[in-house]
């Protein structure tokens, strides 16, 4: 959106937020003009705000004069992250699971109708995996997202089911009727196996992580592994479920770990 289309008197904080959102994992460094264009700001306005944010440590300049996210912003985010306790509780179980699986083990939470990945362990020769820490995927497409959606509020489920269902591969669920049936099956079986839903060579297996050992406790995260599509993914479900129960015991019913 062009800057002149922005409402007059827009708060500086809103502009600063758009500047931060201009950066992506694929493009962590941008020129001032690129930041302004992506944020919908005049280059002079972008330059002034960037200078202020650099002064606060929220942004940093590279030797080439480009701009990137500052270490100070990462530090502040780590202190206040609502997922920090969850990640700390989960890490020993993620490490044990990763030692057994040898591919990718990841933990995701539901945020703004998407799955946000808060932790991931990988191996050098692991199968292809498009997710990354602090990355997002649509809930209907990934195994982690599907287990979160299965126990999400009904309004969100209906919004996803009736909304656009984008496809990553021919195996991605794009039919509302099929998605509705899949969610019912996940709630019944307690897990999901997604063969080739994101990439043809990879299969995701996921289980819910609850806020405590009670089987009826709220689901606060999704635990998943990404392994080769060799037909053996289902055999990993018991290991995933054991890890999820361990995480739930450590979480201990604390609803403050995630928003």
Protein backbone atom coordinates (compact mmCIF):
# COMPACT_ATOMS: atom_id res chain seq x y z
CA UNK A 1 0.00 0.00 0.00
CA UNK A 2 1.36 3.45 -0.93
CA UNK A 3 2.11 5.91 1.85
CA UNK A 4 -0.49 8.44 0.73
CA UNK A 5 -3.15 5.78 1.23
CA UNK A 6 -2.29 5.49 4.91
CA UNK A 7 -4.62 7.30 7.32
CA UNK A 8 -3.53 10.74 8.46
CA UNK A 9 -2.17 10.83 11.99
CA UNK A 10 -1.18 7.18 11.93
CA UNK A 11 0.70 6.32 15.16
CA UNK A 12 4.48 6.16 14.91
CA UNK A 13 4.34 2.73 16.56
CA UNK A 14 2.23 1.39 13.68
CA UNK A 15 4.80 2.65 11.19
CA UNK A 16 7.63 1.13 13.20
CA UNK A 17 5.80 -2.21 13.27
CA UNK A 18 5.49 -2.18 9.47
CA UNK A 19 9.21 -1.47 9.19
CA UNK A 20 9.99 -4.54 11.31
CA UNK A 21 7.57 -6.64 9.26
CA UNK A 22 9.41 -5.72 6.07
CA UNK A 23 12.20 -8.18 6.90
CA UNK A 24 11.84 -11.87 6.11
CA UNK A 25 13.99 -14.96 6.76
CA UNK A 26 14.83 -14.97 3.06
CA UNK A 27 15.71 -11.25 3.04
CA UNK A 28 17.08 -10.34 6.48
CA UNK A 29 18.90 -7.27 5.12
CA UNK A 30 17.27 -4.47 3.12
CA UNK A 31 18.14 -1.01 1.88
CA UNK A 32 16.34 1.97 3.38
CA UNK A 33 14.38 2.47 0.17
CA UNK A 34 13.33 -1.21 0.14
CA UNK A 35 12.14 -0.95 3.73
CA UNK A 36 10.16 2.19 2.88
CA UNK A 37 8.54 0.59 -0.13
CA UNK A 38 7.53 -2.54 1.76
CA UNK A 39 6.27 -0.55 4.74
CA UNK A 40 4.33 1.88 2.53
CA UNK A 41 6.34 4.86 3.76
CA UNK A 42 8.00 7.76 1.98
CA UNK A 43 11.75 7.12 1.90
CA UNK A 44 12.43 10.21 4.04
CA UNK A 45 9.97 9.02 6.69
CA UNK A 46 11.42 5.52 6.59
CA UNK A 47 14.96 6.89 6.90
CA UNK A 48 14.03 8.99 9.94
CA UNK A 49 12.28 6.12 11.73
CA UNK A 50 15.04 3.67 10.88
CA UNK A 51 17.63 6.02 12.35
CA UNK A 52 15.64 6.23 15.59
CA UNK A 53 15.21 2.44 15.73
CA UNK A 54 18.93 1.91 15.10
CA UNK A 55 19.63 4.25 18.01
CA UNK A 56 17.44 2.06 20.23
CA UNK A 57 19.08 -1.16 19.02
CA UNK A 58 15.87 -2.43 17.42
CA UNK A 59 17.53 -2.24 14.00
CA UNK A 60 21.19 -2.32 12.98
CA UNK A 61 23.12 -1.14 9.94
CA UNK A 62 25.47 -3.46 8.04
CA UNK A 63 28.91 -2.32 6.81
CA UNK A 64 27.33 -1.92 3.35
CA UNK A 65 24.75 0.51 4.74
CA UNK A 66 21.82 -1.88 4.61
CA UNK A 67 19.48 -2.49 7.54
CA UNK A 68 18.67 -5.60 9.55
CA UNK A 69 16.86 -6.52 12.77
CA UNK A 70 18.91 -5.56 15.81
CA UNK A 71 20.13 -7.94 18.51
CA UNK A 72 18.39 -5.79 21.12
CA UNK A 73 15.01 -6.66 19.62
CA UNK A 74 15.82 -10.37 19.83
CA UNK A 75 16.90 -9.91 23.45
CA UNK A 76 13.65 -8.18 24.42
CA UNK A 77 11.55 -10.75 22.57
CA UNK A 78 13.30 -13.61 24.37
CA UNK A 79 12.63 -12.06 27.76
CA UNK A 80 8.93 -11.59 27.20
CA UNK A 81 8.09 -14.50 24.90
CA UNK A 82 4.93 -16.25 26.10
CA UNK A 83 6.30 -19.49 24.61
CA UNK A 84 9.57 -19.42 26.56
CA UNK A 85 8.31 -21.64 29.39
CA UNK A 86 6.78 -24.06 26.92
CA UNK A 87 10.03 -24.33 24.96
CA UNK A 88 12.05 -24.90 28.13
CA UNK A 89 9.63 -27.59 29.27
CA UNK A 90 9.69 -29.28 25.88
CA UNK A 91 13.40 -29.17 25.07
CA UNK A 92 14.54 -32.36 26.90
CA UNK A 93 11.81 -34.34 25.17
CA UNK A 94 12.53 -32.77 21.78
CA UNK A 95 16.19 -33.71 22.15
CA UNK A 96 15.36 -37.32 23.09
CA UNK A 97 12.90 -37.59 20.21
CA UNK A 98 15.40 -36.09 17.79
CA UNK A 99 18.03 -38.64 18.85
CA UNK A 100 15.61 -41.41 17.91
CA UNK A 101 14.17 -39.87 14.73
CA UNK A 102 17.32 -38.39 13.23
CA UNK A 103 15.41 -35.95 11.03
CA UNK A 104 13.32 -32.94 12.11
CA UNK A 105 11.49 -32.50 15.41
CA UNK A 106 9.48 -29.31 15.91
CA UNK A 107 7.07 -27.58 18.25
CA UNK A 108 4.38 -25.17 17.06
CA UNK A 109 1.64 -23.06 18.61
CA UNK A 110 -1.52 -21.52 17.21
CA UNK A 111 -1.20 -17.79 16.59
CA UNK A 112 -3.50 -15.54 14.54
CA UNK A 113 -5.00 -18.52 12.74
CA UNK A 114 -1.62 -19.92 11.67
CA UNK A 115 0.87 -22.35 13.15
CA UNK A 116 3.93 -20.54 14.51
CA UNK A 117 6.98 -22.76 15.00
CA UNK A 118 8.74 -21.93 18.27
CA UNK A 119 11.42 -24.65 18.21
CA UNK A 120 12.99 -27.03 15.70
CA UNK A 121 15.80 -29.58 15.87
CA UNK A 122 17.29 -30.90 12.64
CA UNK A 123 20.12 -33.02 11.30
CA UNK A 124 22.52 -32.28 8.45
CA UNK A 125 21.20 -35.01 6.14
CA UNK A 126 17.56 -34.77 7.21
CA UNK A 127 14.72 -34.81 4.70
CA UNK A 128 13.59 -31.51 3.18
CA UNK A 129 11.62 -29.28 5.55
CA UNK A 130 10.28 -25.79 4.78
CA UNK A 131 9.62 -24.78 8.39
CA UNK A 132 11.97 -22.76 10.57
CA UNK A 133 11.95 -21.27 14.05
CA UNK A 134 9.66 -18.23 14.07
CA UNK A 135 8.27 -19.36 10.71
CA UNK A 136 4.60 -19.86 9.95
CA UNK A 137 2.46 -22.20 7.88
CA UNK A 138 -1.27 -22.39 7.19
CA UNK A 139 -2.96 -24.65 9.72
CA UNK A 140 -4.68 -26.77 7.07
CA UNK A 141 -1.45 -27.68 5.27
CA UNK A 142 0.94 -28.91 7.97
CA UNK A 143 0.71 -31.78 10.43
CA UNK A 144 1.38 -29.45 13.39
CA UNK A 145 -1.26 -27.02 12.18
CA UNK A 146 -3.84 -29.75 11.73
CA UNK A 147 -3.56 -31.05 15.30
CA UNK A 148 -3.83 -27.48 16.56
CA UNK A 149 -6.83 -26.80 14.34
CA UNK A 150 -8.52 -30.02 15.47
CA UNK A 151 -8.76 -28.64 19.02
CA UNK A 152 -9.09 -24.97 18.11
CA UNK A 153 -12.25 -22.96 18.82
CA UNK A 154 -15.13 -23.87 16.54
CA UNK A 155 -15.24 -20.37 15.00
CA UNK A 156 -11.63 -20.68 13.83
CA UNK A 157 -12.23 -24.17 12.47
CA UNK A 158 -15.17 -22.96 10.41
CA UNK A 159 -13.25 -19.93 9.17
CA UNK A 160 -10.40 -22.13 7.94
CA UNK A 161 -12.66 -24.81 6.49
CA UNK A 162 -14.75 -22.33 4.51
CA UNK A 163 -11.86 -20.06 3.54
CA UNK A 164 -9.31 -20.46 0.76
CA UNK A 165 -7.30 -23.67 1.20
CA UNK A 166 -4.05 -23.19 -0.69
CA UNK A 167 -2.16 -26.21 -2.01
CA UNK A 168 1.55 -26.91 -1.64
CA UNK A 169 1.37 -30.29 -3.39
CA UNK A 170 -1.44 -32.39 -4.88
CA UNK A 171 -1.70 -34.11 -1.47
CA UNK A 172 -2.48 -30.90 0.44
CA UNK A 173 -6.04 -30.89 1.77
CA UNK A 174 -8.00 -28.30 -0.22
CA UNK A 175 -11.51 -29.74 0.05
CA UNK A 176 -13.67 -28.38 2.92
CA UNK A 177 -15.44 -31.73 3.29
CA UNK A 178 -12.16 -33.62 3.39
CA UNK A 179 -10.66 -31.18 5.91
CA UNK A 180 -13.70 -31.45 8.17
CA UNK A 181 -13.46 -35.25 8.11
CA UNK A 182 -9.71 -35.15 8.70
CA UNK A 183 -10.11 -32.96 11.80
CA UNK A 184 -12.73 -35.32 13.21
CA UNK A 185 -10.34 -38.23 12.64
CA UNK A 186 -7.50 -36.40 14.41
CA UNK A 187 -9.68 -35.79 17.47
CA UNK A 188 -10.70 -39.44 17.46
CA UNK A 189 -7.23 -40.94 16.92
CA UNK A 190 -5.11 -38.32 18.69
CA UNK A 191 -2.59 -37.87 15.88
CA UNK A 192 -2.21 -37.10 12.19
CA UNK A 193 0.08 -38.38 9.42
CA UNK A 194 0.47 -36.02 6.45
CA UNK A 195 2.22 -37.78 3.58
CA UNK A 196 3.54 -35.22 1.11
CA UNK A 197 1.22 -32.37 2.14
CA UNK A 198 3.99 -29.74 2.11
CA UNK A 199 6.66 -31.51 0.02
CA UNK A 200 6.30 -34.72 -1.94
CA UNK A 201 9.39 -36.27 -0.32
CA UNK A 202 8.46 -35.50 3.29
CA UNK A 203 5.84 -36.80 5.71
CA UNK A 204 4.75 -34.93 8.82
CA UNK A 205 3.49 -36.74 11.90
CA UNK A 206 2.01 -34.69 14.73
CA UNK A 207 0.30 -35.06 18.09
CA UNK A 208 -1.23 -32.48 20.44
CA UNK A 209 0.57 -31.23 23.54
CA UNK A 210 -1.76 -30.44 26.42
CA UNK A 211 -1.38 -27.98 29.27
CA UNK A 212 -1.22 -30.78 31.83
CA UNK A 213 -1.39 -34.57 32.26
CA UNK A 214 -5.21 -34.64 32.23
CA UNK A 215 -6.31 -36.07 28.85
CA UNK A 216 -9.01 -33.37 28.76
CA UNK A 217 -6.59 -30.48 29.40
CA UNK A 218 -6.48 -27.76 26.72
CA UNK A 219 -4.14 -28.26 23.77
CA UNK A 220 -1.37 -25.64 23.90
CA UNK A 221 0.98 -26.85 21.18
CA UNK A 222 1.56 -29.34 18.42
CA UNK A 223 4.57 -31.68 18.44
CA UNK A 224 5.66 -33.06 15.09
CA UNK A 225 8.40 -34.87 13.23
CA UNK A 226 9.22 -34.52 9.53
CA UNK A 227 10.60 -37.72 8.02
CA UNK A 228 11.02 -39.27 4.56
CA UNK A 229 7.90 -40.46 2.76
CA UNK A 230 8.87 -44.11 2.99
CA UNK A 231 5.70 -45.54 4.52
CA UNK A 232 7.13 -45.88 8.04
CA UNK A 233 5.93 -42.60 9.54
CA UNK A 234 2.99 -44.13 11.43
CA UNK A 235 5.38 -46.22 13.53
CA UNK A 236 6.65 -42.99 15.13
CA UNK A 237 3.30 -42.07 16.70
CA UNK A 238 3.92 -43.86 20.06
CA UNK A 239 7.25 -42.05 20.52
CA UNK A 240 5.60 -38.72 19.75
CA UNK A 241 2.75 -39.38 22.14
CA UNK A 242 5.17 -40.35 24.93
CA UNK A 243 7.12 -37.13 24.40
CA UNK A 244 3.92 -35.07 24.37
CA UNK A 245 2.84 -36.62 27.69
CA UNK A 246 6.23 -35.79 29.16
CA UNK A 247 5.97 -32.18 28.05
CA UNK A 248 2.45 -31.96 29.47
CA UNK A 249 3.66 -33.19 32.87
CA UNK A 250 6.39 -30.53 32.92
CA UNK A 251 4.04 -27.81 31.80
CA UNK A 252 1.91 -28.79 34.79
CA UNK A 253 -1.31 -27.15 33.76
CA UNK A 254 0.08 -23.60 33.58
CA UNK A 255 -2.11 -21.61 31.19
CA UNK A 256 0.41 -18.74 31.21
CA UNK A 257 2.93 -20.53 29.01
CA UNK A 258 1.25 -19.62 25.74
CA UNK A 259 -1.23 -16.97 24.75
